[in-house]
């Protein structure tokens, strides 16, 4: 069964949220906005667009960013929070010099836990993808930081690994001071709890590298929602699977759209 997809002469089979992989992997990419084909199985970080090289998750982020600009058509400032190289390329093409990617260790600087007050109420749109699981506890500080740098009515595009609704939120480490990542002889996270007790943790989980990619927590859908709402955000949408646009993976670790109330 085929459906008219706007892909010209191409026909794409009609699926819902099924994850059945088939030889037919045509879709209309929301990143490059071209009819294309996926390379690799449909998974969150795979099924690469043959043209712009976006993954399923990056296409969901692109779709969310395009929705954000419709909500803020006069957006003057778009801030990226440690965006990936792919995201920088996409956002620069979409927004031009209105977009700037900010970093913790290099200019332009942004510590999302403690943003410079000069950035408060300055951004129409903020992209924060695959970052919030790497922030030292307590996690709520980063959500408050995101909220503070947005203008009233501003939109946050958020991507974070999370489990299903009903699952437990997992914090790997307690809140500590004087923390340090020790790499020899094996990686360990060390520090002192507020009462002065020393702790050292091994068996660390890194996402694609060492250092700033250390995983501090695993959100659940419920905990991620709670952090956003407790910071003051209104949740607008959780981007669903959309086979037509090449956004297909398990029903968790989604891309979110949230808004700071006007």
C-alpha atoms as a PDB file:
ATOM      1  CA  UNK A   1       0.000   0.000   0.000  1.00  0.00           C
ATOM      2  CA  UNK A   2       1.459   3.354  -1.028  1.00  0.00           C
ATOM      3  CA  UNK A   3       0.580   6.889  -0.141  1.00  0.00           C
ATOM      4  CA  UNK A   4       1.211  10.203  -1.874  1.00  0.00           C
ATOM      5  CA  UNK A   5       4.122  11.691   0.072  1.00  0.00           C
ATOM      6  CA  UNK A   6       5.117  14.743  -1.892  1.00  0.00           C
ATOM      7  CA  UNK A   7       8.264  12.936  -3.069  1.00  0.00           C
ATOM      8  CA  UNK A   8       7.364  13.296  -6.738  1.00  0.00           C
ATOM      9  CA  UNK A   9       7.494   9.915  -8.460  1.00  0.00           C
ATOM     10  CA  UNK A  10       8.684   8.148  -5.294  1.00  0.00           C
ATOM     11  CA  UNK A  11       6.241   6.097  -3.272  1.00  0.00           C
ATOM     12  CA  UNK A  12       6.821   5.265   0.377  1.00  0.00           C
ATOM     13  CA  UNK A  13       5.024   2.466   2.167  1.00  0.00           C
ATOM     14  CA  UNK A  14       2.737   3.651   4.947  1.00  0.00           C
ATOM     15  CA  UNK A  15       3.938   2.763   8.454  1.00  0.00           C
ATOM     16  CA  UNK A  16       3.099   4.081  11.887  1.00  0.00           C
ATOM     17  CA  UNK A  17       5.578   3.594  14.740  1.00  0.00           C
ATOM     18  CA  UNK A  18       6.582   0.096  13.589  1.00  0.00           C
ATOM     19  CA  UNK A  19      10.304  -0.533  13.539  1.00  0.00           C
ATOM     20  CA  UNK A  20      10.235  -3.222  10.863  1.00  0.00           C
ATOM     21  CA  UNK A  21      13.227  -2.594   8.640  1.00  0.00           C
ATOM     22  CA  UNK A  22      12.603  -3.056   4.916  1.00  0.00           C
ATOM     23  CA  UNK A  23      14.689  -2.564   1.784  1.00  0.00           C
ATOM     24  CA  UNK A  24      12.559   0.502   0.985  1.00  0.00           C
ATOM     25  CA  UNK A  25      13.985   3.388   2.992  1.00  0.00           C
ATOM     26  CA  UNK A  26      12.922   6.466   1.026  1.00  0.00           C
ATOM     27  CA  UNK A  27      11.870   9.586   2.923  1.00  0.00           C
ATOM     28  CA  UNK A  28      11.683  13.372   2.715  1.00  0.00           C
ATOM     29  CA  UNK A  29      14.497  14.645   4.925  1.00  0.00           C
ATOM     30  CA  UNK A  30      13.447  17.530   7.220  1.00  0.00           C
ATOM     31  CA  UNK A  31      17.093  18.594   7.508  1.00  0.00           C
ATOM     32  CA  UNK A  32      18.050  19.065   3.852  1.00  0.00           C
ATOM     33  CA  UNK A  33      14.384  19.060   2.690  1.00  0.00           C
ATOM     34  CA  UNK A  34      15.134  16.699  -0.182  1.00  0.00           C
ATOM     35  CA  UNK A  35      13.802  13.244  -1.103  1.00  0.00           C
ATOM     36  CA  UNK A  36      16.513  10.827  -0.133  1.00  0.00           C
ATOM     37  CA  UNK A  37      17.308   7.351   1.129  1.00  0.00           C
ATOM     38  CA  UNK A  38      18.522   6.103   4.514  1.00  0.00           C
ATOM     39  CA  UNK A  39      21.859   4.343   4.813  1.00  0.00           C
ATOM     40  CA  UNK A  40      21.707   1.744   7.572  1.00  0.00           C
ATOM     41  CA  UNK A  41      18.915   0.440   9.773  1.00  0.00           C
ATOM     42  CA  UNK A  42      16.344   2.823  11.232  1.00  0.00           C
ATOM     43  CA  UNK A  43      17.783   3.573  14.677  1.00  0.00           C
ATOM     44  CA  UNK A  44      18.202   6.762  16.706  1.00  0.00           C
ATOM     45  CA  UNK A  45      21.832   7.392  15.786  1.00  0.00           C
ATOM     46  CA  UNK A  46      21.873   5.585  12.424  1.00  0.00           C
ATOM     47  CA  UNK A  47      19.846   5.557   9.164  1.00  0.00           C
ATOM     48  CA  UNK A  48      22.048   8.336   7.787  1.00  0.00           C
ATOM     49  CA  UNK A  49      20.592  10.586   5.092  1.00  0.00           C
ATOM     50  CA  UNK A  50      22.511   9.988   1.879  1.00  0.00           C
ATOM     51  CA  UNK A  51      22.538  13.735   1.133  1.00  0.00           C
ATOM     52  CA  UNK A  52      23.056  15.687   4.387  1.00  0.00           C
ATOM     53  CA  UNK A  53      24.322  12.784   6.562  1.00  0.00           C
ATOM     54  CA  UNK A  54      21.747  13.412   9.306  1.00  0.00           C
ATOM     55  CA  UNK A  55      20.775  10.558  11.629  1.00  0.00           C
ATOM     56  CA  UNK A  56      17.211   9.792  12.707  1.00  0.00           C
ATOM     57  CA  UNK A  57      17.675  11.881  15.858  1.00  0.00           C
ATOM     58  CA  UNK A  58      19.217  14.785  13.971  1.00  0.00           C
ATOM     59  CA  UNK A  59      16.269  14.770  11.575  1.00  0.00           C
ATOM     60  CA  UNK A  60      13.931  14.956  14.557  1.00  0.00           C
ATOM     61  CA  UNK A  61      15.968  17.901  15.876  1.00  0.00           C
ATOM     62  CA  UNK A  62      15.775  19.564  12.451  1.00  0.00           C
ATOM     63  CA  UNK A  63      12.020  19.079  12.394  1.00  0.00           C
ATOM     64  CA  UNK A  64      11.772  20.574  15.893  1.00  0.00           C
ATOM     65  CA  UNK A  65      13.939  23.557  14.908  1.00  0.00           C
ATOM     66  CA  UNK A  66      11.731  24.259  11.891  1.00  0.00           C
ATOM     67  CA  UNK A  67       8.690  24.153  14.162  1.00  0.00           C
ATOM     68  CA  UNK A  68      10.436  26.504  16.594  1.00  0.00           C
ATOM     69  CA  UNK A  69      11.072  29.108  13.893  1.00  0.00           C
ATOM     70  CA  UNK A  70       7.387  28.978  12.932  1.00  0.00           C
ATOM     71  CA  UNK A  71       6.542  29.739  16.550  1.00  0.00           C
ATOM     72  CA  UNK A  72       9.168  32.532  16.673  1.00  0.00           C
ATOM     73  CA  UNK A  73       9.174  33.865  13.080  1.00  0.00           C
ATOM     74  CA  UNK A  74      10.924  37.067  14.121  1.00  0.00           C
ATOM     75  CA  UNK A  75      13.644  35.269  16.098  1.00  0.00           C
ATOM     76  CA  UNK A  76      16.734  37.446  16.378  1.00  0.00           C
ATOM     77  CA  UNK A  77      19.013  35.247  18.476  1.00  0.00           C
ATOM     78  CA  UNK A  78      19.400  31.477  18.447  1.00  0.00           C
ATOM     79  CA  UNK A  79      21.818  29.937  20.951  1.00  0.00           C
ATOM     80  CA  UNK A  80      23.318  26.480  20.662  1.00  0.00           C
ATOM     81  CA  UNK A  81      24.520  24.757  23.823  1.00  0.00           C
ATOM     82  CA  UNK A  82      27.582  22.712  22.826  1.00  0.00           C
ATOM     83  CA  UNK A  83      25.938  21.732  19.539  1.00  0.00           C
ATOM     84  CA  UNK A  84      27.555  19.051  17.380  1.00  0.00           C
ATOM     85  CA  UNK A  85      29.339  19.864  14.122  1.00  0.00           C
ATOM     86  CA  UNK A  86      26.348  18.612  12.166  1.00  0.00           C
ATOM     87  CA  UNK A  87      23.980  20.770  14.203  1.00  0.00           C
ATOM     88  CA  UNK A  88      26.168  23.859  13.753  1.00  0.00           C
ATOM     89  CA  UNK A  89      26.148  23.362   9.989  1.00  0.00           C
ATOM     90  CA  UNK A  90      22.374  22.867   9.904  1.00  0.00           C
ATOM     91  CA  UNK A  91      21.526  25.767  12.228  1.00  0.00           C
ATOM     92  CA  UNK A  92      23.906  28.147  10.469  1.00  0.00           C
ATOM     93  CA  UNK A  93      22.269  27.327   7.144  1.00  0.00           C
ATOM     94  CA  UNK A  94      18.807  27.805   8.671  1.00  0.00           C
ATOM     95  CA  UNK A  95      19.460  30.948  10.729  1.00  0.00           C
ATOM     96  CA  UNK A  96      22.633  32.522   9.356  1.00  0.00           C
ATOM     97  CA  UNK A  97      24.434  34.887  11.724  1.00  0.00           C
ATOM     98  CA  UNK A  98      21.464  34.908  14.089  1.00  0.00           C
ATOM     99  CA  UNK A  99      22.768  31.560  15.377  1.00  0.00           C
ATOM    100  CA  UNK A 100      25.848  31.052  17.540  1.00  0.00           C
ATOM    101  CA  UNK A 101      27.037  27.874  19.196  1.00  0.00           C
ATOM    102  CA  UNK A 102      28.173  28.442  22.791  1.00  0.00           C
ATOM    103  CA  UNK A 103      30.697  26.395  24.739  1.00  0.00           C
ATOM    104  CA  UNK A 104      31.792  25.794  28.313  1.00  0.00           C
ATOM    105  CA  UNK A 105      35.543  26.044  27.594  1.00  0.00           C
ATOM    106  CA  UNK A 106      35.846  28.414  24.622  1.00  0.00           C
ATOM    107  CA  UNK A 107      34.279  31.547  23.191  1.00  0.00           C
ATOM    108  CA  UNK A 108      31.456  32.277  23.045  1.00  0.00           C
ATOM    109  CA  UNK A 109      31.220  31.030  26.626  1.00  0.00           C
ATOM    110  CA  UNK A 110      28.142  29.565  28.285  1.00  0.00           C
ATOM    111  CA  UNK A 111      27.992  27.654  31.553  1.00  0.00           C
ATOM    112  CA  UNK A 112      24.402  26.442  31.413  1.00  0.00           C
ATOM    113  CA  UNK A 113      24.452  25.737  35.164  1.00  0.00           C
ATOM    114  CA  UNK A 114      25.460  29.326  35.921  1.00  0.00           C
ATOM    115  CA  UNK A 115      24.925  31.471  32.808  1.00  0.00           C
ATOM    116  CA  UNK A 116      26.243  35.009  32.714  1.00  0.00           C
ATOM    117  CA  UNK A 117      23.321  37.312  33.620  1.00  0.00           C
ATOM    118  CA  UNK A 118      24.066  39.271  30.430  1.00  0.00           C
ATOM    119  CA  UNK A 119      22.531  36.297  28.581  1.00  0.00           C
ATOM    120  CA  UNK A 120      19.320  36.294  30.606  1.00  0.00           C
ATOM    121  CA  UNK A 121      16.176  36.777  28.471  1.00  0.00           C
ATOM    122  CA  UNK A 122      18.340  37.049  25.345  1.00  0.00           C
ATOM    123  CA  UNK A 123      17.520  33.997  23.184  1.00  0.00           C
ATOM    124  CA  UNK A 124      14.440  33.373  21.054  1.00  0.00           C
ATOM    125  CA  UNK A 125      15.423  29.738  20.491  1.00  0.00           C
ATOM    126  CA  UNK A 126      17.894  27.505  22.329  1.00  0.00           C
ATOM    127  CA  UNK A 127      19.102  24.118  21.073  1.00  0.00           C
ATOM    128  CA  UNK A 128      20.434  21.790  23.756  1.00  0.00           C
ATOM    129  CA  UNK A 129      21.051  18.312  22.390  1.00  0.00           C
ATOM    130  CA  UNK A 130      22.734  15.383  24.164  1.00  0.00           C
ATOM    131  CA  UNK A 131      24.081  17.686  26.900  1.00  0.00           C
ATOM    132  CA  UNK A 132      21.846  17.514  29.964  1.00  0.00           C
ATOM    133  CA  UNK A 133      22.868  13.965  30.887  1.00  0.00           C
ATOM    134  CA  UNK A 134      26.478  15.180  31.183  1.00  0.00           C
ATOM    135  CA  UNK A 135      25.897  17.965  33.754  1.00  0.00           C
ATOM    136  CA  UNK A 136      27.114  17.391  37.306  1.00  0.00           C
ATOM    137  CA  UNK A 137      24.325  17.047  39.889  1.00  0.00           C
ATOM    138  CA  UNK A 138      22.019  18.546  40.859  1.00  0.00           C
ATOM    139  CA  UNK A 139      20.445  18.366  37.399  1.00  0.00           C
ATOM    140  CA  UNK A 140      17.806  21.035  37.997  1.00  0.00           C
ATOM    141  CA  UNK A 141      20.380  23.843  37.717  1.00  0.00           C
ATOM    142  CA  UNK A 142      20.840  23.280  33.983  1.00  0.00           C
ATOM    143  CA  UNK A 143      17.091  23.449  33.329  1.00  0.00           C
ATOM    144  CA  UNK A 144      16.901  26.711  35.262  1.00  0.00           C
ATOM    145  CA  UNK A 145      19.851  28.031  33.251  1.00  0.00           C
ATOM    146  CA  UNK A 146      18.120  27.206  29.964  1.00  0.00           C
ATOM    147  CA  UNK A 147      14.940  28.859  31.182  1.00  0.00           C
ATOM    148  CA  UNK A 148      16.795  32.010  32.233  1.00  0.00           C
ATOM    149  CA  UNK A 149      18.552  32.618  28.916  1.00  0.00           C
ATOM    150  CA  UNK A 150      15.330  32.352  26.911  1.00  0.00           C
ATOM    151  CA  UNK A 151      13.171  35.381  26.252  1.00  0.00           C
ATOM    152  CA  UNK A 152       9.555  35.126  27.431  1.00  0.00           C
ATOM    153  CA  UNK A 153       7.852  33.023  24.784  1.00  0.00           C
ATOM    154  CA  UNK A 154      11.202  31.551  23.712  1.00  0.00           C
ATOM    155  CA  UNK A 155      11.510  27.954  22.538  1.00  0.00           C
ATOM    156  CA  UNK A 156      13.883  25.219  23.704  1.00  0.00           C
ATOM    157  CA  UNK A 157      14.705  22.279  21.414  1.00  0.00           C
ATOM    158  CA  UNK A 158      15.950  19.466  23.625  1.00  0.00           C
ATOM    159  CA  UNK A 159      17.388  16.047  22.913  1.00  0.00           C
ATOM    160  CA  UNK A 160      18.446  13.696  25.693  1.00  0.00           C
ATOM    161  CA  UNK A 161      18.645   9.922  26.153  1.00  0.00           C
ATOM    162  CA  UNK A 162      15.788   8.825  28.383  1.00  0.00           C
ATOM    163  CA  UNK A 163      13.817   5.703  29.201  1.00  0.00           C
ATOM    164  CA  UNK A 164      10.073   5.161  28.987  1.00  0.00           C
ATOM    165  CA  UNK A 165       7.389   6.753  31.102  1.00  0.00           C
ATOM    166  CA  UNK A 166       7.071   4.790  34.337  1.00  0.00           C
ATOM    167  CA  UNK A 167      10.764   3.918  34.519  1.00  0.00           C
ATOM    168  CA  UNK A 168      12.957   5.194  37.342  1.00  0.00           C
ATOM    169  CA  UNK A 169      15.234   8.216  37.024  1.00  0.00           C
ATOM    170  CA  UNK A 170      18.830   7.160  37.723  1.00  0.00           C
ATOM    171  CA  UNK A 171      21.534   9.410  39.213  1.00  0.00           C
ATOM    172  CA  UNK A 172      24.918   7.701  39.066  1.00  0.00           C
ATOM    173  CA  UNK A 173      26.586   9.965  41.663  1.00  0.00           C
ATOM    174  CA  UNK A 174      25.473  12.100  44.601  1.00  0.00           C
ATOM    175  CA  UNK A 175      25.990  15.854  44.672  1.00  0.00           C
ATOM    176  CA  UNK A 176      29.663  16.409  45.562  1.00  0.00           C
ATOM    177  CA  UNK A 177      32.278  19.171  45.789  1.00  0.00           C
ATOM    178  CA  UNK A 178      35.927  19.192  44.683  1.00  0.00           C
ATOM    179  CA  UNK A 179      35.053  16.651  42.013  1.00  0.00           C
ATOM    180  CA  UNK A 180      37.697  15.189  39.724  1.00  0.00           C
ATOM    181  CA  UNK A 181      37.800  12.756  36.829  1.00  0.00           C
ATOM    182  CA  UNK A 182      40.873  10.568  37.358  1.00  0.00           C
ATOM    183  CA  UNK A 183      41.948   8.544  34.309  1.00  0.00           C
ATOM    184  CA  UNK A 184      44.803   6.415  35.719  1.00  0.00           C
ATOM    185  CA  UNK A 185      45.011   3.529  36.236  1.00  0.00           C
ATOM    186  CA  UNK A 186      41.293   3.347  35.293  1.00  0.00           C
ATOM    187  CA  UNK A 187      38.694   6.132  34.993  1.00  0.00           C
ATOM    188  CA  UNK A 188      37.195   7.157  38.338  1.00  0.00           C
ATOM    189  CA  UNK A 189      34.933  10.017  39.459  1.00  0.00           C
ATOM    190  CA  UNK A 190      35.890  11.333  42.887  1.00  0.00           C
ATOM    191  CA  UNK A 191      34.758  14.035  45.260  1.00  0.00           C
ATOM    192  CA  UNK A 192      33.439  14.937  48.692  1.00  0.00           C
ATOM    193  CA  UNK A 193      29.817  14.883  49.799  1.00  0.00           C
ATOM    194  CA  UNK A 194      28.475  17.943  51.671  1.00  0.00           C
ATOM    195  CA  UNK A 195      29.269  16.238  55.000  1.00  0.00           C
ATOM    196  CA  UNK A 196      32.926  15.844  53.963  1.00  0.00           C
ATOM    197  CA  UNK A 197      32.906  12.135  53.127  1.00  0.00           C
ATOM    198  CA  UNK A 198      35.196  11.141  50.236  1.00  0.00           C
ATOM    199  CA  UNK A 199      33.728   9.011  47.433  1.00  0.00           C
ATOM    200  CA  UNK A 200      35.357   7.346  44.446  1.00  0.00           C
ATOM    201  CA  UNK A 201      33.299   5.759  41.660  1.00  0.00           C
ATOM    202  CA  UNK A 202      34.452   3.417  38.909  1.00  0.00           C
ATOM    203  CA  UNK A 203      32.618   1.607  36.115  1.00  0.00           C
ATOM    204  CA  UNK A 204      31.915   4.928  34.399  1.00  0.00           C
ATOM    205  CA  UNK A 205      29.861   5.329  31.247  1.00  0.00           C
ATOM    206  CA  UNK A 206      31.120   7.672  28.516  1.00  0.00           C
ATOM    207  CA  UNK A 207      29.194   8.665  25.392  1.00  0.00           C
ATOM    208  CA  UNK A 208      31.579   8.487  22.476  1.00  0.00           C
ATOM    209  CA  UNK A 209      34.678   9.651  24.312  1.00  0.00           C
ATOM    210  CA  UNK A 210      36.174  10.641  27.662  1.00  0.00           C
ATOM    211  CA  UNK A 211      36.062  13.760  29.813  1.00  0.00           C
ATOM    212  CA  UNK A 212      32.988  15.895  29.191  1.00  0.00           C
ATOM    213  CA  UNK A 213      31.093  12.884  27.791  1.00  0.00           C
ATOM    214  CA  UNK A 214      30.784  11.230  31.210  1.00  0.00           C
ATOM    215  CA  UNK A 215      27.175  10.167  31.833  1.00  0.00           C
ATOM    216  CA  UNK A 216      25.897  11.469  35.169  1.00  0.00           C
ATOM    217  CA  UNK A 217      22.313  10.257  34.895  1.00  0.00           C
ATOM    218  CA  UNK A 218      19.654   8.482  32.886  1.00  0.00           C
ATOM    219  CA  UNK A 219      16.400  10.407  32.700  1.00  0.00           C
ATOM    220  CA  UNK A 220      13.038   8.768  32.336  1.00  0.00           C
ATOM    221  CA  UNK A 221      10.346  10.439  30.263  1.00  0.00           C
ATOM    222  CA  UNK A 222       8.599  11.327  33.534  1.00  0.00           C
ATOM    223  CA  UNK A 223      11.668  12.794  35.239  1.00  0.00           C
ATOM    224  CA  UNK A 224      12.622  14.825  32.175  1.00  0.00           C
ATOM    225  CA  UNK A 225       9.110  16.239  32.042  1.00  0.00           C
ATOM    226  CA  UNK A 226       9.257  17.078  35.759  1.00  0.00           C
ATOM    227  CA  UNK A 227      12.593  18.887  35.460  1.00  0.00           C
ATOM    228  CA  UNK A 228      11.249  20.992  32.601  1.00  0.00           C
ATOM    229  CA  UNK A 229       7.989  21.837  34.346  1.00  0.00           C
ATOM    230  CA  UNK A 230       9.683  22.565  37.683  1.00  0.00           C
ATOM    231  CA  UNK A 231      11.969  25.039  35.891  1.00  0.00           C
ATOM    232  CA  UNK A 232       8.898  26.822  34.534  1.00  0.00           C
ATOM    233  CA  UNK A 233       8.697  25.400  31.006  1.00  0.00           C
ATOM    234  CA  UNK A 234       5.504  24.549  29.153  1.00  0.00           C
ATOM    235  CA  UNK A 235       5.992  21.352  27.130  1.00  0.00           C
ATOM    236  CA  UNK A 236       4.754  21.849  23.577  1.00  0.00           C
ATOM    237  CA  UNK A 237       5.539  18.564  21.867  1.00  0.00           C
ATOM    238  CA  UNK A 238       7.528  15.353  22.012  1.00  0.00           C
ATOM    239  CA  UNK A 239       8.522  14.640  18.408  1.00  0.00           C
ATOM    240  CA  UNK A 240       6.992  11.255  17.451  1.00  0.00           C
ATOM    241  CA  UNK A 241       8.174   8.673  14.966  1.00  0.00           C
ATOM    242  CA  UNK A 242       7.495   9.843  11.410  1.00  0.00           C
ATOM    243  CA  UNK A 243       8.499   7.352   8.703  1.00  0.00           C
ATOM    244  CA  UNK A 244       7.703   9.832   5.928  1.00  0.00           C
ATOM    245  CA  UNK A 245      10.486  12.097   7.243  1.00  0.00           C
ATOM    246  CA  UNK A 246      12.939   9.371   8.234  1.00  0.00           C
ATOM    247  CA  UNK A 247      12.402   9.724  11.982  1.00  0.00           C
ATOM    248  CA  UNK A 248      12.146   6.154  13.249  1.00  0.00           C
ATOM    249  CA  UNK A 249      13.407   4.564  16.455  1.00  0.00           C
ATOM    250  CA  UNK A 250      12.078   3.059  19.671  1.00  0.00           C
ATOM    251  CA  UNK A 251       9.481   5.141  21.560  1.00  0.00           C
ATOM    252  CA  UNK A 252      11.965   6.669  24.009  1.00  0.00           C
ATOM    253  CA  UNK A 253      14.877   9.143  23.991  1.00  0.00           C
ATOM    254  CA  UNK A 254      12.774  11.566  21.983  1.00  0.00           C
ATOM    255  CA  UNK A 255      13.331  15.189  20.936  1.00  0.00           C
ATOM    256  CA  UNK A 256      11.286  17.739  22.905  1.00  0.00           C
ATOM    257  CA  UNK A 257       9.926  21.220  22.252  1.00  0.00           C
ATOM    258  CA  UNK A 258       9.339  23.375  25.331  1.00  0.00           C
ATOM    259  CA  UNK A 259       8.473  27.040  25.790  1.00  0.00           C
ATOM    260  CA  UNK A 260       9.137  29.691  28.377  1.00  0.00           C
ATOM    261  CA  UNK A 261       5.735  31.274  29.037  1.00  0.00           C
ATOM    262  CA  UNK A 262       5.235  34.795  27.754  1.00  0.00           C
END
